[in-house]
Amino acid sequence: SSTGVTVGSTAITLTTTVPTGLAAGTTIVVGATTGTGWEAQVVNSTTASSQITFANPLVQDHVGSGVIYTATAQLGQAQFTAGVV
């Protein structure tokens, strides 16, 4: 990304032209894939040659010069156990 983005942002501007592989519906990871500071998002649209808009607002801040990866969404399974947490 060209600049940092904050919680609630719905778009990110890249330092380069948006690759054709980042079409609407593509799942991407914003931020580093190791450690903290990453989140998955779904591309809603590309509004300009270097901007991506998301289907949902970001839930955390991301620094400028961060990376964006394409990702394959995998269905998971959640297990809930009754009781006090």
N, C-alpha and C. Protein backbone atom coordinates (compact mmCIF):
# COMPACT_ATOMS: atom_id res chain seq x y z
N SER A 1 0.84 -1.19 0.00
CA SER A 1 0.00 0.00 0.00
C SER A 1 0.88 1.24 0.00
N SER A 2 0.38 2.31 -0.59
CA SER A 2 1.20 3.51 -0.71
C SER A 2 1.24 4.32 0.59
N THR A 3 0.16 4.29 1.37
CA THR A 3 0.12 4.99 2.64
C THR A 3 -0.58 4.12 3.68
N GLY A 4 -0.45 4.50 4.93
CA GLY A 4 -1.14 3.76 5.98
C GLY A 4 -2.65 3.94 5.86
N VAL A 5 -3.38 2.95 6.34
CA VAL A 5 -4.85 3.03 6.37
C VAL A 5 -5.31 2.72 7.78
N THR A 6 -6.44 3.27 8.16
CA THR A 6 -6.93 3.12 9.52
C THR A 6 -8.19 2.28 9.59
N VAL A 7 -8.51 1.86 10.80
CA VAL A 7 -9.74 1.10 11.05
C VAL A 7 -10.92 1.81 10.41
N GLY A 8 -11.77 1.06 9.76
CA GLY A 8 -12.96 1.62 9.14
C GLY A 8 -12.78 2.03 7.69
N SER A 9 -11.53 2.05 7.22
CA SER A 9 -11.29 2.38 5.81
C SER A 9 -11.90 1.31 4.92
N THR A 10 -12.39 1.72 3.79
CA THR A 10 -12.99 0.76 2.85
C THR A 10 -12.23 0.71 1.54
N ALA A 11 -11.07 1.38 1.48
CA ALA A 11 -10.28 1.37 0.26
C ALA A 11 -8.80 1.49 0.61
N ILE A 12 -7.98 1.01 -0.29
CA ILE A 12 -6.53 1.10 -0.13
C ILE A 12 -5.94 1.46 -1.48
N THR A 13 -4.93 2.31 -1.47
CA THR A 13 -4.26 2.71 -2.70
C THR A 13 -2.93 2.00 -2.77
N LEU A 14 -2.66 1.37 -3.89
CA LEU A 14 -1.42 0.63 -4.09
C LEU A 14 -0.34 1.54 -4.66
N THR A 15 0.90 1.11 -4.54
CA THR A 15 2.01 1.87 -5.12
C THR A 15 2.17 1.58 -6.61
N THR A 16 1.36 0.69 -7.13
CA THR A 16 1.42 0.30 -8.52
C THR A 16 0.00 0.08 -9.05
N THR A 17 -0.14 -0.18 -10.31
CA THR A 17 -1.45 -0.46 -10.89
C THR A 17 -2.02 -1.75 -10.30
N VAL A 18 -3.31 -1.77 -10.08
CA VAL A 18 -3.98 -2.96 -9.53
C VAL A 18 -3.83 -4.11 -10.52
N PRO A 19 -3.26 -5.25 -10.09
CA PRO A 19 -3.15 -6.40 -11.00
C PRO A 19 -4.53 -6.92 -11.42
N THR A 20 -4.62 -7.45 -12.61
CA THR A 20 -5.90 -7.95 -13.11
C THR A 20 -6.43 -9.10 -12.25
N GLY A 21 -5.56 -9.80 -11.54
CA GLY A 21 -5.99 -10.91 -10.69
C GLY A 21 -6.74 -10.47 -9.44
N LEU A 22 -6.80 -9.17 -9.18
CA LEU A 22 -7.51 -8.67 -8.00
C LEU A 22 -8.89 -8.13 -8.38
N ALA A 23 -9.66 -8.93 -9.06
CA ALA A 23 -11.00 -8.54 -9.47
C ALA A 23 -11.97 -8.65 -8.30
N ALA A 24 -13.16 -8.10 -8.48
CA ALA A 24 -14.20 -8.20 -7.46
C ALA A 24 -14.42 -9.65 -7.06
N GLY A 25 -14.54 -9.88 -5.76
CA GLY A 25 -14.75 -11.23 -5.23
C GLY A 25 -13.48 -11.93 -4.82
N THR A 26 -12.32 -11.38 -5.17
CA THR A 26 -11.03 -11.98 -4.79
C THR A 26 -10.78 -11.77 -3.30
N THR A 27 -10.32 -12.80 -2.63
CA THR A 27 -9.94 -12.67 -1.22
C THR A 27 -8.47 -12.30 -1.16
N ILE A 28 -8.16 -11.26 -0.38
CA ILE A 28 -6.78 -10.83 -0.23
C ILE A 28 -6.42 -10.75 1.25
N VAL A 29 -5.13 -10.76 1.53
CA VAL A 29 -4.61 -10.53 2.87
C VAL A 29 -3.88 -9.20 2.84
N VAL A 30 -4.26 -8.30 3.74
CA VAL A 30 -3.62 -6.99 3.86
C VAL A 30 -2.65 -7.07 5.02
N GLY A 31 -1.38 -6.76 4.76
CA GLY A 31 -0.37 -6.79 5.81
C GLY A 31 0.50 -8.03 5.75
N ALA A 32 1.44 -8.12 6.67
CA ALA A 32 2.38 -9.24 6.71
C ALA A 32 1.68 -10.54 7.07
N THR A 33 2.12 -11.63 6.46
CA THR A 33 1.52 -12.93 6.76
C THR A 33 2.18 -13.59 7.96
N THR A 34 3.24 -13.00 8.49
CA THR A 34 3.88 -13.52 9.70
C THR A 34 3.68 -12.51 10.82
N GLY A 35 3.53 -13.00 12.02
CA GLY A 35 3.35 -12.10 13.15
C GLY A 35 1.98 -11.47 13.16
N THR A 36 1.92 -10.23 13.59
CA THR A 36 0.63 -9.54 13.70
C THR A 36 0.48 -8.51 12.60
N GLY A 37 -0.69 -7.93 12.52
CA GLY A 37 -0.92 -6.85 11.58
C GLY A 37 -1.45 -7.26 10.23
N TRP A 38 -2.17 -8.36 10.14
CA TRP A 38 -2.74 -8.76 8.86
C TRP A 38 -4.22 -9.03 9.04
N GLU A 39 -4.95 -8.94 7.95
CA GLU A 39 -6.36 -9.33 7.95
C GLU A 39 -6.80 -9.69 6.54
N ALA A 40 -7.78 -10.55 6.48
CA ALA A 40 -8.33 -10.96 5.19
C ALA A 40 -9.47 -10.02 4.81
N GLN A 41 -9.56 -9.71 3.52
CA GLN A 41 -10.63 -8.86 3.00
C GLN A 41 -11.06 -9.39 1.65
N VAL A 42 -12.28 -9.05 1.24
CA VAL A 42 -12.79 -9.40 -0.08
C VAL A 42 -12.83 -8.13 -0.92
N VAL A 43 -12.28 -8.20 -2.12
CA VAL A 43 -12.28 -7.06 -3.03
C VAL A 43 -13.71 -6.83 -3.52
N ASN A 44 -14.19 -5.60 -3.34
CA ASN A 44 -15.51 -5.23 -3.84
C ASN A 44 -15.39 -4.70 -5.26
N SER A 45 -14.39 -3.85 -5.49
CA SER A 45 -14.15 -3.31 -6.83
C SER A 45 -12.79 -2.63 -6.87
N THR A 46 -12.35 -2.33 -8.06
CA THR A 46 -11.19 -1.47 -8.25
C THR A 46 -11.72 -0.18 -8.84
N THR A 47 -11.54 0.92 -8.12
CA THR A 47 -12.16 2.18 -8.52
C THR A 47 -11.26 3.05 -9.37
N ALA A 48 -9.99 2.76 -9.38
CA ALA A 48 -9.03 3.53 -10.17
C ALA A 48 -7.89 2.59 -10.52
N SER A 49 -6.94 3.08 -11.28
CA SER A 49 -5.85 2.20 -11.70
C SER A 49 -5.04 1.66 -10.53
N SER A 50 -5.08 2.33 -9.35
CA SER A 50 -4.28 1.85 -8.23
C SER A 50 -5.07 1.73 -6.93
N GLN A 51 -6.40 1.75 -6.99
CA GLN A 51 -7.18 1.67 -5.76
C GLN A 51 -8.08 0.45 -5.73
N ILE A 52 -8.14 -0.18 -4.56
CA ILE A 52 -9.00 -1.34 -4.33
C ILE A 52 -10.00 -0.95 -3.24
N THR A 53 -11.28 -1.24 -3.46
CA THR A 53 -12.26 -1.05 -2.40
C THR A 53 -12.67 -2.42 -1.88
N PHE A 54 -13.03 -2.45 -0.61
CA PHE A 54 -13.37 -3.71 0.06
C PHE A 54 -14.87 -3.83 0.28
N ALA A 55 -15.33 -5.06 0.41
CA ALA A 55 -16.74 -5.32 0.70
C ALA A 55 -17.09 -4.89 2.12
N ASN A 56 -16.10 -4.90 3.03
CA ASN A 56 -16.30 -4.53 4.43
C ASN A 56 -15.17 -3.60 4.88
N PRO A 57 -15.41 -2.76 5.89
CA PRO A 57 -14.35 -1.89 6.40
C PRO A 57 -13.23 -2.68 7.07
N LEU A 58 -12.03 -2.13 7.04
CA LEU A 58 -10.91 -2.75 7.74
C LEU A 58 -11.17 -2.76 9.25
N VAL A 59 -10.71 -3.78 9.92
CA VAL A 59 -10.92 -3.89 11.37
C VAL A 59 -9.67 -3.53 12.17
N GLN A 60 -8.58 -3.20 11.48
CA GLN A 60 -7.37 -2.75 12.17
C GLN A 60 -6.59 -1.80 11.28
N ASP A 61 -5.67 -1.06 11.91
CA ASP A 61 -4.80 -0.15 11.17
C ASP A 61 -3.72 -0.93 10.43
N HIS A 62 -3.26 -0.38 9.31
CA HIS A 62 -2.16 -0.97 8.55
C HIS A 62 -1.19 0.12 8.15
N VAL A 63 0.09 -0.16 8.28
CA VAL A 63 1.12 0.84 7.96
C VAL A 63 1.27 1.01 6.46
N GLY A 64 1.84 2.15 6.07
CA GLY A 64 2.17 2.37 4.67
C GLY A 64 3.28 1.42 4.26
N SER A 65 3.42 1.19 2.99
CA SER A 65 4.39 0.25 2.43
C SER A 65 4.11 -1.18 2.86
N GLY A 66 2.89 -1.45 3.33
CA GLY A 66 2.50 -2.81 3.67
C GLY A 66 2.29 -3.61 2.40
N VAL A 67 2.17 -4.91 2.57
CA VAL A 67 2.00 -5.79 1.41
C VAL A 67 0.58 -6.32 1.34
N ILE A 68 0.19 -6.73 0.14
CA ILE A 68 -1.11 -7.32 -0.09
C ILE A 68 -0.89 -8.62 -0.86
N TYR A 69 -1.48 -9.69 -0.37
CA TYR A 69 -1.35 -11.00 -0.99
C TYR A 69 -2.72 -11.49 -1.44
N THR A 70 -2.76 -12.26 -2.51
CA THR A 70 -4.00 -12.96 -2.83
C THR A 70 -4.08 -14.17 -1.92
N ALA A 71 -5.28 -14.60 -1.63
CA ALA A 71 -5.48 -15.72 -0.72
C ALA A 71 -6.60 -16.60 -1.23
N THR A 72 -6.59 -17.83 -0.81
CA THR A 72 -7.68 -18.75 -1.12
C THR A 72 -8.46 -18.98 0.16
N ALA A 73 -9.72 -18.57 0.15
CA ALA A 73 -10.56 -18.75 1.33
C ALA A 73 -10.83 -20.24 1.54
N GLN A 74 -10.65 -20.71 2.75
CA GLN A 74 -10.90 -22.10 3.10
C GLN A 74 -12.02 -22.14 4.14
N LEU A 75 -13.00 -22.97 3.92
CA LEU A 75 -14.06 -23.11 4.91
C LEU A 75 -13.51 -23.80 6.14
N GLY A 76 -13.91 -23.35 7.28
CA GLY A 76 -13.44 -23.93 8.54
C GLY A 76 -14.58 -24.51 9.32
N GLN A 77 -14.27 -24.98 10.48
CA GLN A 77 -15.28 -25.58 11.34
C GLN A 77 -15.11 -25.02 12.73
N ALA A 78 -16.19 -24.59 13.33
CA ALA A 78 -16.15 -24.06 14.68
C ALA A 78 -16.88 -25.02 15.62
N GLN A 79 -16.34 -25.16 16.81
CA GLN A 79 -16.98 -26.04 17.80
C GLN A 79 -17.29 -25.20 19.02
N PHE A 80 -18.53 -25.29 19.51
CA PHE A 80 -18.95 -24.54 20.67
C PHE A 80 -19.32 -25.51 21.78
N THR A 81 -18.86 -25.20 23.00
CA THR A 81 -19.17 -26.02 24.15
C THR A 81 -19.89 -25.15 25.17
N ALA A 82 -21.02 -25.60 25.64
CA ALA A 82 -21.79 -24.83 26.63
C ALA A 82 -20.98 -24.71 27.91
N GLY A 83 -21.12 -23.58 28.57
CA GLY A 83 -20.43 -23.36 29.84
C GLY A 83 -20.10 -21.90 30.03
N VAL A 84 -19.42 -21.62 31.10
CA VAL A 84 -19.07 -20.26 31.44
C VAL A 84 -17.66 -19.98 30.91
N VAL A 85 -17.50 -18.83 30.29
CA VAL A 85 -16.19 -18.46 29.76
C VAL A 85 -15.55 -17.47 30.68
